[in-house]
Amino acid sequence: MYSLTHPNNQNQVFQSLPWPQVYKIIHLVMQTVFTNICERMGRSQVLSVFQRGTVIGYHLCNKSSREISSLLNIPQSPVSCIIRTWKCLGTTATQPRSGSPHKLTERGQRMLRRIVRRGRQLSAESIATDLQTSCGLQISSRTVRRELHGMRFHGRAAASKPYITKCNAERRMQWCKACRHWTLEQWRRVLWSDESRFSIWQSDGRVWVWRLPGERYLSDCIVCKVWWRRDYGVGLFFRSWAWPLVPVKGTLNASAYQDILDNSRLPTLWEQFGAGPFLFQHDCAPVHKARSIKKWMTESGVDELVWPAQSPDLNP
């Protein structure tokens, strides 16, 4: 047995080693380590068994990694890693990776996706409870969030819209189909009207401010709201002509609305513009559907445009 303490003995040991076999072992170890590193770097895109076999088939046909990548429409890095793994280990199977395995199997992930699609407003804790009941899986709400993020599900504020009943939705669709072939001249014969609220204090919409953490209730970052500095008005427009805005004092009832219609001289408008009989549009507000208003429309000879309930307001 050689002692490595003396230089002469060390030289004898190194000279007696089978260096070709040593180089081969070192080369194999380095290739294996490098292959595992490549596999972990490319874990964002795991190819199927068929795709891996196709890569090796193209490689045996003397195709380069770049050509294989172009033919299969996959990145070149996974192609090179698959070929190296096959050369070193004789297999294309994905090698074991570091870290704990996924808590959810493919079946558990499918169940999680179904639970989320069935209940969009469920909390992560409720979803974890449902998974435990249905699959017997003990997972935390944090794991639920992480798995959902991996499926591209993210918690967001729900978009809001006015509630529309099924009956009114069908009526709106019927109205759209009935009017979709109207010509420009037909639409030009419609006299549009609507009520609106005007704030004379300041804008009551969302106001953005620049602030630091902890300055939420700083006086410069607060918008004061008042409820008494708001007025209402009724507006009419026809083609490129607009009637002056009619202010409304107090609550708009049937009597006040009829006074506005009387002052607007609706029955004589078509004579002023020479456009022929027109259709008067107003929405389905209760004041517009009062018996006195319907009677006034009939006696004045004003034809109304059919307007389905819960239709969107005008935004000319």
C-alpha atoms as a PDB file:
ATOM      1  CA  MET A   1       0.000   0.000   0.000  1.00  0.00           C
ATOM      2  CA  TYR A   2       1.340   3.360  -0.971  1.00  0.00           C
ATOM      3  CA  SER A   3       1.715   6.241   1.412  1.00  0.00           C
ATOM      4  CA  LEU A   4       0.724   9.590  -0.108  1.00  0.00           C
ATOM      5  CA  THR A   5       2.875  11.549   2.281  1.00  0.00           C
ATOM      6  CA  HIS A   6       6.051  11.142   0.288  1.00  0.00           C
ATOM      7  CA  PRO A   7       6.360  12.758  -3.166  1.00  0.00           C
ATOM      8  CA  ASN A   8       7.920   9.668  -4.680  1.00  0.00           C
ATOM      9  CA  ASN A   9       5.030   7.508  -3.489  1.00  0.00           C
ATOM     10  CA  GLN A  10       2.490   9.998  -4.935  1.00  0.00           C
ATOM     11  CA  ASN A  11       4.139   9.861  -8.350  1.00  0.00           C
ATOM     12  CA  GLN A  12       4.064   6.082  -8.326  1.00  0.00           C
ATOM     13  CA  VAL A  13       0.330   6.071  -7.458  1.00  0.00           C
ATOM     14  CA  PHE A  14      -0.600   8.507 -10.243  1.00  0.00           C
ATOM     15  CA  GLN A  15       1.486   6.632 -12.788  1.00  0.00           C
ATOM     16  CA  SER A  16      -0.169   3.325 -11.908  1.00  0.00           C
ATOM     17  CA  LEU A  17      -3.767   4.628 -12.336  1.00  0.00           C
ATOM     18  CA  PRO A  18      -5.706   3.508 -15.474  1.00  0.00           C
ATOM     19  CA  TRP A  19      -6.128   7.025 -16.825  1.00  0.00           C
ATOM     20  CA  PRO A  20      -8.282   6.221 -19.894  1.00  0.00           C
ATOM     21  CA  GLN A  21     -10.915   4.641 -17.656  1.00  0.00           C
ATOM     22  CA  VAL A  22     -10.647   7.528 -15.146  1.00  0.00           C
ATOM     23  CA  TYR A  23     -11.190  10.101 -17.879  1.00  0.00           C
ATOM     24  CA  LYS A  24     -14.206   8.161 -19.125  1.00  0.00           C
ATOM     25  CA  ILE A  25     -15.756   8.043 -15.637  1.00  0.00           C
ATOM     26  CA  ILE A  26     -15.141  11.762 -15.060  1.00  0.00           C
ATOM     27  CA  HIS A  27     -16.623  12.587 -18.452  1.00  0.00           C
ATOM     28  CA  LEU A  28     -19.719  10.460 -17.748  1.00  0.00           C
ATOM     29  CA  VAL A  29     -20.230  12.067 -14.316  1.00  0.00           C
ATOM     30  CA  MET A  30     -19.897  15.579 -15.743  1.00  0.00           C
ATOM     31  CA  GLN A  31     -22.335  14.801 -18.544  1.00  0.00           C
ATOM     32  CA  THR A  32     -24.858  13.391 -16.054  1.00  0.00           C
ATOM     33  CA  VAL A  33     -24.587  16.462 -13.820  1.00  0.00           C
ATOM     34  CA  PHE A  34     -24.867  18.790 -16.795  1.00  0.00           C
ATOM     35  CA  THR A  35     -27.901  16.884 -18.091  1.00  0.00           C
ATOM     36  CA  ASN A  36     -29.680  17.144 -14.728  1.00  0.00           C
ATOM     37  CA  ILE A  37     -28.950  20.883 -14.634  1.00  0.00           C
ATOM     38  CA  CYS A  38     -30.392  21.313 -18.109  1.00  0.00           C
ATOM     39  CA  GLU A  39     -33.455  19.301 -17.150  1.00  0.00           C
ATOM     40  CA  ARG A  40     -34.094  21.524 -14.113  1.00  0.00           C
ATOM     41  CA  MET A  41     -33.540  24.704 -16.109  1.00  0.00           C
ATOM     42  CA  GLY A  42     -36.023  23.550 -18.708  1.00  0.00           C
ATOM     43  CA  ARG A  43     -38.722  22.355 -16.313  1.00  0.00           C
ATOM     44  CA  SER A  44     -41.051  25.154 -17.419  1.00  0.00           C
ATOM     45  CA  GLN A  45     -41.805  23.109 -20.569  1.00  0.00           C
ATOM     46  CA  VAL A  46     -42.020  19.350 -20.016  1.00  0.00           C
ATOM     47  CA  LEU A  47     -42.406  17.490 -23.297  1.00  0.00           C
ATOM     48  CA  SER A  48     -44.573  14.419 -23.654  1.00  0.00           C
ATOM     49  CA  VAL A  49     -43.172  10.927 -24.169  1.00  0.00           C
ATOM     50  CA  PHE A  50     -44.181  11.060 -27.838  1.00  0.00           C
ATOM     51  CA  GLN A  51     -42.399  14.385 -28.349  1.00  0.00           C
ATOM     52  CA  ARG A  52     -39.235  13.070 -26.694  1.00  0.00           C
ATOM     53  CA  GLY A  53     -39.289   9.986 -28.887  1.00  0.00           C
ATOM     54  CA  THR A  54     -39.788  12.175 -31.954  1.00  0.00           C
ATOM     55  CA  VAL A  55     -36.738  14.241 -30.965  1.00  0.00           C
ATOM     56  CA  ILE A  56     -34.594  11.101 -30.732  1.00  0.00           C
ATOM     57  CA  GLY A  57     -35.988   9.847 -34.049  1.00  0.00           C
ATOM     58  CA  TYR A  58     -34.992  13.062 -35.808  1.00  0.00           C
ATOM     59  CA  HIS A  59     -31.595  12.901 -34.086  1.00  0.00           C
ATOM     60  CA  LEU A  60     -31.007   9.383 -35.434  1.00  0.00           C
ATOM     61  CA  CYS A  61     -31.828  10.771 -38.884  1.00  0.00           C
ATOM     62  CA  ASN A  62     -28.832  13.119 -38.517  1.00  0.00           C
ATOM     63  CA  LYS A  63     -30.944  16.207 -37.828  1.00  0.00           C
ATOM     64  CA  SER A  64     -29.305  18.969 -35.805  1.00  0.00           C
ATOM     65  CA  SER A  65     -30.826  20.385 -32.628  1.00  0.00           C
ATOM     66  CA  ARG A  66     -31.727  23.578 -34.446  1.00  0.00           C
ATOM     67  CA  GLU A  67     -33.490  21.673 -37.231  1.00  0.00           C
ATOM     68  CA  ILE A  68     -35.392  19.524 -34.725  1.00  0.00           C
ATOM     69  CA  SER A  69     -36.429  22.638 -32.805  1.00  0.00           C
ATOM     70  CA  SER A  70     -37.748  24.217 -35.989  1.00  0.00           C
ATOM     71  CA  LEU A  71     -39.562  21.073 -37.138  1.00  0.00           C
ATOM     72  CA  LEU A  72     -41.320  20.445 -33.803  1.00  0.00           C
ATOM     73  CA  ASN A  73     -41.805  24.138 -32.928  1.00  0.00           C
ATOM     74  CA  ILE A  74     -40.200  23.777 -29.494  1.00  0.00           C
ATOM     75  CA  PRO A  75     -37.211  25.600 -27.959  1.00  0.00           C
ATOM     76  CA  GLN A  76     -33.749  24.320 -28.806  1.00  0.00           C
ATOM     77  CA  SER A  77     -32.667  23.968 -25.161  1.00  0.00           C
ATOM     78  CA  PRO A  78     -35.077  21.107 -24.285  1.00  0.00           C
ATOM     79  CA  VAL A  79     -34.120  19.351 -27.524  1.00  0.00           C
ATOM     80  CA  SER A  80     -30.428  19.417 -26.609  1.00  0.00           C
ATOM     81  CA  CYS A  81     -31.151  18.232 -23.057  1.00  0.00           C
ATOM     82  CA  ILE A  82     -33.221  15.276 -24.306  1.00  0.00           C
ATOM     83  CA  ILE A  83     -30.463  14.210 -26.699  1.00  0.00           C
ATOM     84  CA  ARG A  84     -27.799  14.466 -23.956  1.00  0.00           C
ATOM     85  CA  THR A  85     -29.933  12.439 -21.545  1.00  0.00           C
ATOM     86  CA  TRP A  86     -30.475   9.748 -24.166  1.00  0.00           C
ATOM     87  CA  LYS A  87     -26.745   9.561 -24.966  1.00  0.00           C
ATOM     88  CA  CYS A  88     -25.694   9.392 -21.308  1.00  0.00           C
ATOM     89  CA  LEU A  89     -28.446   7.279 -19.744  1.00  0.00           C
ATOM     90  CA  GLY A  90     -30.040   5.550 -22.713  1.00  0.00           C
ATOM     91  CA  THR A  91     -33.501   6.885 -21.848  1.00  0.00           C
ATOM     92  CA  THR A  92     -35.584   9.977 -22.490  1.00  0.00           C
ATOM     93  CA  ALA A  93     -37.514   9.812 -19.220  1.00  0.00           C
ATOM     94  CA  THR A  94     -37.476  12.903 -17.031  1.00  0.00           C
ATOM     95  CA  GLN A  95     -34.968  12.452 -14.230  1.00  0.00           C
ATOM     96  CA  PRO A  96     -35.930  12.900 -10.567  1.00  0.00           C
ATOM     97  CA  ARG A  97     -35.797  16.517  -9.493  1.00  0.00           C
ATOM     98  CA  SER A  98     -34.932  18.157  -6.234  1.00  0.00           C
ATOM     99  CA  GLY A  99     -37.625  19.456  -3.916  1.00  0.00           C
ATOM    100  CA  SER A 100     -40.855  17.955  -2.684  1.00  0.00           C
ATOM    101  CA  PRO A 101     -43.348  16.661  -5.267  1.00  0.00           C
ATOM    102  CA  HIS A 102     -46.606  18.416  -6.042  1.00  0.00           C
ATOM    103  CA  LYS A 103     -49.272  17.971  -3.414  1.00  0.00           C
ATOM    104  CA  LEU A 104     -51.973  17.611  -6.050  1.00  0.00           C
ATOM    105  CA  THR A 105     -51.959  14.905  -8.669  1.00  0.00           C
ATOM    106  CA  GLU A 106     -53.403  15.445 -12.139  1.00  0.00           C
ATOM    107  CA  ARG A 107     -56.748  14.175 -10.863  1.00  0.00           C
ATOM    108  CA  GLY A 108     -56.599  16.600  -7.941  1.00  0.00           C
ATOM    109  CA  GLN A 109     -55.788  19.478 -10.281  1.00  0.00           C
ATOM    110  CA  ARG A 110     -58.770  18.614 -12.478  1.00  0.00           C
ATOM    111  CA  MET A 111     -60.984  18.517  -9.403  1.00  0.00           C
ATOM    112  CA  LEU A 112     -59.597  21.883  -8.277  1.00  0.00           C
ATOM    113  CA  ARG A 113     -60.337  23.399 -11.687  1.00  0.00           C
ATOM    114  CA  ARG A 114     -63.912  22.078 -11.614  1.00  0.00           C
ATOM    115  CA  ILE A 115     -64.502  23.452  -8.104  1.00  0.00           C
ATOM    116  CA  VAL A 116     -63.250  26.903  -9.114  1.00  0.00           C
ATOM    117  CA  ARG A 117     -65.310  26.993 -12.315  1.00  0.00           C
ATOM    118  CA  ARG A 118     -68.387  25.913 -10.385  1.00  0.00           C
ATOM    119  CA  GLY A 119     -67.907  28.511  -7.630  1.00  0.00           C
ATOM    120  CA  ARG A 120     -65.986  31.568  -8.795  1.00  0.00           C
ATOM    121  CA  GLN A 121     -66.553  33.419  -5.528  1.00  0.00           C
ATOM    122  CA  LEU A 122     -65.295  30.688  -3.191  1.00  0.00           C
ATOM    123  CA  SER A 123     -62.423  31.566  -0.886  1.00  0.00           C
ATOM    124  CA  ALA A 124     -59.193  29.560  -0.859  1.00  0.00           C
ATOM    125  CA  GLU A 125     -60.152  28.106   2.532  1.00  0.00           C
ATOM    126  CA  SER A 126     -63.517  26.907   1.193  1.00  0.00           C
ATOM    127  CA  ILE A 127     -61.852  25.357  -1.856  1.00  0.00           C
ATOM    128  CA  ALA A 128     -59.376  23.506   0.380  1.00  0.00           C
ATOM    129  CA  THR A 129     -62.308  22.165   2.425  1.00  0.00           C
ATOM    130  CA  ASP A 130     -64.113  21.000  -0.733  1.00  0.00           C
ATOM    131  CA  LEU A 131     -60.983  19.225  -1.943  1.00  0.00           C
ATOM    132  CA  GLN A 132     -60.638  17.471   1.395  1.00  0.00           C
ATOM    133  CA  THR A 133     -64.276  16.354   1.230  1.00  0.00           C
ATOM    134  CA  SER A 134     -64.206  15.178  -2.391  1.00  0.00           C
ATOM    135  CA  CYS A 135     -60.663  13.808  -2.725  1.00  0.00           C
ATOM    136  CA  GLY A 136     -59.514  13.367   0.857  1.00  0.00           C
ATOM    137  CA  LEU A 137     -56.572  15.723   0.290  1.00  0.00           C
ATOM    138  CA  GLN A 138     -55.188  17.688   3.203  1.00  0.00           C
ATOM    139  CA  ILE A 139     -53.878  20.895   1.638  1.00  0.00           C
ATOM    140  CA  SER A 140     -53.601  24.446   2.893  1.00  0.00           C
ATOM    141  CA  SER A 141     -55.170  27.558   1.423  1.00  0.00           C
ATOM    142  CA  ARG A 142     -51.670  28.693   0.422  1.00  0.00           C
ATOM    143  CA  THR A 143     -51.237  25.551  -1.681  1.00  0.00           C
ATOM    144  CA  VAL A 144     -54.631  26.177  -3.268  1.00  0.00           C
ATOM    145  CA  ARG A 145     -53.594  29.693  -4.275  1.00  0.00           C
ATOM    146  CA  ARG A 146     -50.266  28.468  -5.661  1.00  0.00           C
ATOM    147  CA  GLU A 147     -51.928  25.730  -7.720  1.00  0.00           C
ATOM    148  CA  LEU A 148     -54.552  28.140  -9.040  1.00  0.00           C
ATOM    149  CA  HIS A 149     -51.874  30.642 -10.007  1.00  0.00           C
ATOM    150  CA  GLY A 150     -50.152  27.864 -11.920  1.00  0.00           C
ATOM    151  CA  MET A 151     -53.431  27.317 -13.790  1.00  0.00           C
ATOM    152  CA  ARG A 152     -53.557  31.080 -14.504  1.00  0.00           C
ATOM    153  CA  PHE A 153     -56.466  31.659 -12.115  1.00  0.00           C
ATOM    154  CA  HIS A 154     -55.973  34.899 -10.167  1.00  0.00           C
ATOM    155  CA  GLY A 155     -58.172  36.654  -7.656  1.00  0.00           C
ATOM    156  CA  ARG A 156     -59.582  39.827  -9.173  1.00  0.00           C
ATOM    157  CA  ALA A 157     -62.401  42.194  -8.314  1.00  0.00           C
ATOM    158  CA  ALA A 158     -65.550  41.101 -10.118  1.00  0.00           C
ATOM    159  CA  ALA A 159     -66.751  43.337 -12.919  1.00  0.00           C
ATOM    160  CA  SER A 160     -70.129  44.892 -12.178  1.00  0.00           C
ATOM    161  CA  LYS A 161     -73.043  45.393 -14.541  1.00  0.00           C
ATOM    162  CA  PRO A 162     -76.730  46.206 -14.157  1.00  0.00           C
ATOM    163  CA  TYR A 163     -78.901  43.209 -13.431  1.00  0.00           C
ATOM    164  CA  ILE A 164     -80.981  42.241 -16.465  1.00  0.00           C
ATOM    165  CA  THR A 165     -83.749  39.687 -16.210  1.00  0.00           C
ATOM    166  CA  LYS A 166     -83.943  36.876 -18.736  1.00  0.00           C
ATOM    167  CA  CYS A 167     -87.209  38.230 -20.145  1.00  0.00           C
ATOM    168  CA  ASN A 168     -85.780  41.722 -20.695  1.00  0.00           C
ATOM    169  CA  ALA A 169     -82.611  40.285 -22.231  1.00  0.00           C
ATOM    170  CA  GLU A 170     -84.737  38.401 -24.779  1.00  0.00           C
ATOM    171  CA  ARG A 171     -86.729  41.554 -25.553  1.00  0.00           C
ATOM    172  CA  ARG A 172     -83.535  43.541 -26.081  1.00  0.00           C
ATOM    173  CA  MET A 173     -82.256  40.893 -28.464  1.00  0.00           C
ATOM    174  CA  GLN A 174     -85.528  40.949 -30.408  1.00  0.00           C
ATOM    175  CA  TRP A 175     -85.371  44.748 -30.617  1.00  0.00           C
ATOM    176  CA  CYS A 176     -81.788  44.641 -31.917  1.00  0.00           C
ATOM    177  CA  LYS A 177     -82.694  42.095 -34.589  1.00  0.00           C
ATOM    178  CA  ALA A 178     -85.711  44.173 -35.638  1.00  0.00           C
ATOM    179  CA  CYS A 179     -83.652  47.375 -36.002  1.00  0.00           C
ATOM    180  CA  ARG A 180     -80.405  45.997 -37.373  1.00  0.00           C
ATOM    181  CA  HIS A 181     -81.411  46.694 -41.000  1.00  0.00           C
ATOM    182  CA  TRP A 182     -82.543  50.267 -40.409  1.00  0.00           C
ATOM    183  CA  THR A 183     -81.082  52.775 -42.833  1.00  0.00           C
ATOM    184  CA  LEU A 184     -79.361  55.995 -41.857  1.00  0.00           C
ATOM    185  CA  GLU A 185     -82.430  57.995 -42.871  1.00  0.00           C
ATOM    186  CA  GLN A 186     -84.612  55.962 -40.536  1.00  0.00           C
ATOM    187  CA  TRP A 187     -82.298  56.639 -37.607  1.00  0.00           C
ATOM    188  CA  ARG A 188     -82.151  60.326 -38.531  1.00  0.00           C
ATOM    189  CA  ARG A 189     -85.907  60.568 -37.915  1.00  0.00           C
ATOM    190  CA  VAL A 190     -85.527  59.644 -34.225  1.00  0.00           C
ATOM    191  CA  LEU A 191     -85.701  62.411 -31.614  1.00  0.00           C
ATOM    192  CA  TRP A 192     -83.631  61.267 -28.648  1.00  0.00           C
ATOM    193  CA  SER A 193     -84.164  62.315 -25.052  1.00  0.00           C
ATOM    194  CA  ASP A 194     -82.752  61.449 -21.655  1.00  0.00           C
ATOM    195  CA  GLU A 195     -82.403  62.746 -18.121  1.00  0.00           C
ATOM    196  CA  SER A 196     -79.051  63.226 -16.447  1.00  0.00           C
ATOM    197  CA  ARG A 197     -77.649  64.319 -13.128  1.00  0.00           C
ATOM    198  CA  PHE A 198     -75.120  67.147 -12.939  1.00  0.00           C
ATOM    199  CA  SER A 199     -72.852  67.822  -9.981  1.00  0.00           C
ATOM    200  CA  ILE A 200     -72.087  71.535  -9.515  1.00  0.00           C
ATOM    201  CA  TRP A 201     -69.757  70.866  -6.593  1.00  0.00           C
ATOM    202  CA  GLN A 202     -67.062  68.796  -8.276  1.00  0.00           C
ATOM    203  CA  SER A 203     -66.724  65.532 -10.127  1.00  0.00           C
ATOM    204  CA  ASP A 204     -68.219  62.706  -8.100  1.00  0.00           C
ATOM    205  CA  GLY A 205     -66.345  60.037 -10.048  1.00  0.00           C
ATOM    206  CA  ARG A 206     -63.176  58.281  -8.966  1.00  0.00           C
ATOM    207  CA  VAL A 207     -60.327  60.684  -8.229  1.00  0.00           C
ATOM    208  CA  TRP A 208     -56.702  59.525  -8.261  1.00  0.00           C
ATOM    209  CA  VAL A 209     -54.054  61.041  -5.985  1.00  0.00           C
ATOM    210  CA  TRP A 210     -50.347  60.470  -5.423  1.00  0.00           C
ATOM    211  CA  ARG A 211     -49.695  59.463  -1.824  1.00  0.00           C
ATOM    212  CA  LEU A 212     -47.207  57.666   0.370  1.00  0.00           C
ATOM    213  CA  PRO A 213     -47.995  54.671   2.576  1.00  0.00           C
ATOM    214  CA  GLY A 214     -49.953  55.859   5.606  1.00  0.00           C
ATOM    215  CA  GLU A 215     -51.307  58.993   3.868  1.00  0.00           C
ATOM    216  CA  ARG A 216     -54.717  57.545   2.977  1.00  0.00           C
ATOM    217  CA  TYR A 217     -56.575  59.971   5.257  1.00  0.00           C
ATOM    218  CA  LEU A 218     -54.304  62.958   4.728  1.00  0.00           C
ATOM    219  CA  SER A 219     -56.395  66.070   4.036  1.00  0.00           C
ATOM    220  CA  ASP A 220     -54.721  66.579   0.638  1.00  0.00           C
ATOM    221  CA  CYS A 221     -55.580  62.995  -0.339  1.00  0.00           C
ATOM    222  CA  ILE A 222     -59.270  63.077   0.618  1.00  0.00           C
ATOM    223  CA  VAL A 223     -62.147  64.026  -1.681  1.00  0.00           C
ATOM    224  CA  CYS A 224     -65.159  65.474   0.127  1.00  0.00           C
ATOM    225  CA  LYS A 225     -68.593  64.496  -1.157  1.00  0.00           C
ATOM    226  CA  VAL A 226     -71.809  66.443  -0.748  1.00  0.00           C
ATOM    227  CA  TRP A 227     -75.321  65.414  -1.643  1.00  0.00           C
ATOM    228  CA  TRP A 228     -77.077  68.771  -1.954  1.00  0.00           C
ATOM    229  CA  ARG A 229     -75.130  70.325  -4.840  1.00  0.00           C
ATOM    230  CA  ARG A 230     -76.622  68.196  -7.592  1.00  0.00           C
ATOM    231  CA  ASP A 231     -79.133  69.206 -10.246  1.00  0.00           C
ATOM    232  CA  TYR A 232     -81.084  67.213 -12.793  1.00  0.00           C
ATOM    233  CA  GLY A 233     -81.912  68.123 -16.364  1.00  0.00           C
ATOM    234  CA  VAL A 234     -83.701  66.790 -19.449  1.00  0.00           C
ATOM    235  CA  GLY A 235     -82.043  67.026 -22.847  1.00  0.00           C
ATOM    236  CA  LEU A 236     -83.295  66.490 -26.403  1.00  0.00           C
ATOM    237  CA  PHE A 237     -81.318  66.126 -29.610  1.00  0.00           C
ATOM    238  CA  PHE A 238     -82.330  65.487 -33.204  1.00  0.00           C
ATOM    239  CA  ARG A 239     -79.775  64.925 -35.971  1.00  0.00           C
ATOM    240  CA  SER A 240     -77.201  67.685 -35.436  1.00  0.00           C
ATOM    241  CA  TRP A 241     -79.609  69.870 -33.461  1.00  0.00           C
ATOM    242  CA  ALA A 242     -79.874  69.907 -29.669  1.00  0.00           C
ATOM    243  CA  TRP A 243     -82.581  71.489 -27.543  1.00  0.00           C
ATOM    244  CA  PRO A 244     -81.331  73.634 -24.638  1.00  0.00           C
ATOM    245  CA  LEU A 245     -81.021  71.600 -21.447  1.00  0.00           C
ATOM    246  CA  VAL A 246     -84.197  71.847 -19.367  1.00  0.00           C
ATOM    247  CA  PRO A 247     -83.409  71.980 -15.627  1.00  0.00           C
ATOM    248  CA  VAL A 248     -85.578  69.977 -13.254  1.00  0.00           C
ATOM    249  CA  LYS A 249     -86.356  71.387  -9.834  1.00  0.00           C
ATOM    250  CA  GLY A 250     -87.070  68.784  -7.238  1.00  0.00           C
ATOM    251  CA  THR A 251     -88.484  65.412  -8.206  1.00  0.00           C
ATOM    252  CA  LEU A 252     -89.430  64.764 -11.815  1.00  0.00           C
ATOM    253  CA  ASN A 253     -93.035  63.520 -11.852  1.00  0.00           C
ATOM    254  CA  ALA A 254     -95.554  63.022 -14.649  1.00  0.00           C
ATOM    255  CA  SER A 255     -96.903  66.569 -14.393  1.00  0.00           C
ATOM    256  CA  ALA A 256     -93.432  68.157 -14.588  1.00  0.00           C
ATOM    257  CA  TYR A 257     -92.461  65.879 -17.474  1.00  0.00           C
ATOM    258  CA  GLN A 258     -95.615  66.818 -19.390  1.00  0.00           C
ATOM    259  CA  ASP A 259     -94.799  70.508 -18.928  1.00  0.00           C
ATOM    260  CA  ILE A 260     -91.352  69.882 -20.441  1.00  0.00           C
ATOM    261  CA  LEU A 261     -92.930  68.128 -23.435  1.00  0.00           C
ATOM    262  CA  ASP A 262     -95.411  70.980 -23.894  1.00  0.00           C
ATOM    263  CA  ASN A 263     -92.659  73.596 -23.835  1.00  0.00           C
ATOM    264  CA  SER A 264     -90.523  71.626 -26.298  1.00  0.00           C
ATOM    265  CA  ARG A 265     -93.291  71.801 -28.943  1.00  0.00           C
ATOM    266  CA  LEU A 266     -92.644  68.252 -30.091  1.00  0.00           C
ATOM    267  CA  PRO A 267     -95.587  68.013 -32.534  1.00  0.00           C
ATOM    268  CA  THR A 268     -94.264  70.928 -34.635  1.00  0.00           C
ATOM    269  CA  LEU A 269     -90.585  69.953 -34.715  1.00  0.00           C
ATOM    270  CA  TRP A 270     -90.862  67.905 -37.906  1.00  0.00           C
ATOM    271  CA  GLU A 271     -92.432  70.911 -39.658  1.00  0.00           C
ATOM    272  CA  GLN A 272     -89.487  73.119 -38.639  1.00  0.00           C
ATOM    273  CA  PHE A 273     -86.906  70.711 -40.025  1.00  0.00           C
ATOM    274  CA  GLY A 274     -88.930  69.348 -42.924  1.00  0.00           C
ATOM    275  CA  ALA A 275     -88.001  65.819 -41.974  1.00  0.00           C
ATOM    276  CA  GLY A 276     -91.458  64.321 -42.002  1.00  0.00           C
ATOM    277  CA  PRO A 277     -92.983  62.471 -39.048  1.00  0.00           C
ATOM    278  CA  PHE A 278     -90.414  61.434 -36.458  1.00  0.00           C
ATOM    279  CA  LEU A 279     -90.178  58.892 -33.641  1.00  0.00           C
ATOM    280  CA  PHE A 280     -89.741  60.133 -30.101  1.00  0.00           C
ATOM    281  CA  GLN A 281     -87.436  58.091 -27.882  1.00  0.00           C
ATOM    282  CA  HIS A 282     -87.450  58.022 -24.120  1.00  0.00           C
ATOM    283  CA  ASP A 283     -86.557  55.188 -21.802  1.00  0.00           C
ATOM    284  CA  CYS A 284     -88.841  53.086 -19.627  1.00  0.00           C
ATOM    285  CA  ALA A 285     -88.685  55.253 -16.515  1.00  0.00           C
ATOM    286  CA  PRO A 286     -91.963  55.143 -14.537  1.00  0.00           C
ATOM    287  CA  VAL A 287     -92.621  58.830 -15.222  1.00  0.00           C
ATOM    288  CA  HIS A 288     -92.437  58.181 -18.981  1.00  0.00           C
ATOM    289  CA  LYS A 289     -94.991  55.371 -18.810  1.00  0.00           C
ATOM    290  CA  ALA A 290     -97.583  57.256 -16.768  1.00  0.00           C
ATOM    291  CA  ARG A 291    -101.140  57.228 -18.121  1.00  0.00           C
ATOM    292  CA  SER A 292    -101.197  61.008 -18.490  1.00  0.00           C
ATOM    293  CA  ILE A 293     -98.010  60.910 -20.606  1.00  0.00           C
ATOM    294  CA  LYS A 294     -99.380  58.150 -22.845  1.00  0.00           C
ATOM    295  CA  LYS A 295    -102.589  60.147 -23.281  1.00  0.00           C
ATOM    296  CA  TRP A 296    -100.610  63.276 -24.165  1.00  0.00           C
ATOM    297  CA  MET A 297     -98.575  61.341 -26.761  1.00  0.00           C
ATOM    298  CA  THR A 298    -101.754  60.006 -28.385  1.00  0.00           C
ATOM    299  CA  GLU A 299    -103.517  63.377 -28.456  1.00  0.00           C
ATOM    300  CA  SER A 300    -100.411  65.155 -29.803  1.00  0.00           C
ATOM    301  CA  GLY A 301     -99.875  62.594 -32.559  1.00  0.00           C
ATOM    302  CA  VAL A 302     -96.330  61.778 -31.416  1.00  0.00           C
ATOM    303  CA  ASP A 303     -95.148  58.261 -32.265  1.00  0.00           C
ATOM    304  CA  GLU A 304     -92.856  56.618 -29.734  1.00  0.00           C
ATOM    305  CA  LEU A 305     -89.860  54.458 -30.568  1.00  0.00           C
ATOM    306  CA  VAL A 306     -90.183  51.079 -28.902  1.00  0.00           C
ATOM    307  CA  TRP A 307     -87.520  50.982 -26.192  1.00  0.00           C
ATOM    308  CA  PRO A 308     -86.975  47.725 -24.254  1.00  0.00           C
ATOM    309  CA  ALA A 309     -86.707  47.839 -20.491  1.00  0.00           C
ATOM    310  CA  GLN A 310     -83.234  47.872 -18.888  1.00  0.00           C
ATOM    311  CA  SER A 311     -81.629  49.155 -22.081  1.00  0.00           C
ATOM    312  CA  PRO A 312     -78.358  51.126 -21.754  1.00  0.00           C
ATOM    313  CA  ASP A 313     -78.556  54.897 -21.417  1.00  0.00           C
ATOM    314  CA  LEU A 314     -77.717  57.113 -24.361  1.00  0.00           C
ATOM    315  CA  ASN A 315     -74.152  58.308 -24.771  1.00  0.00           C
ATOM    316  CA  PRO A 316     -74.085  60.476 -27.899  1.00  0.00           C
END
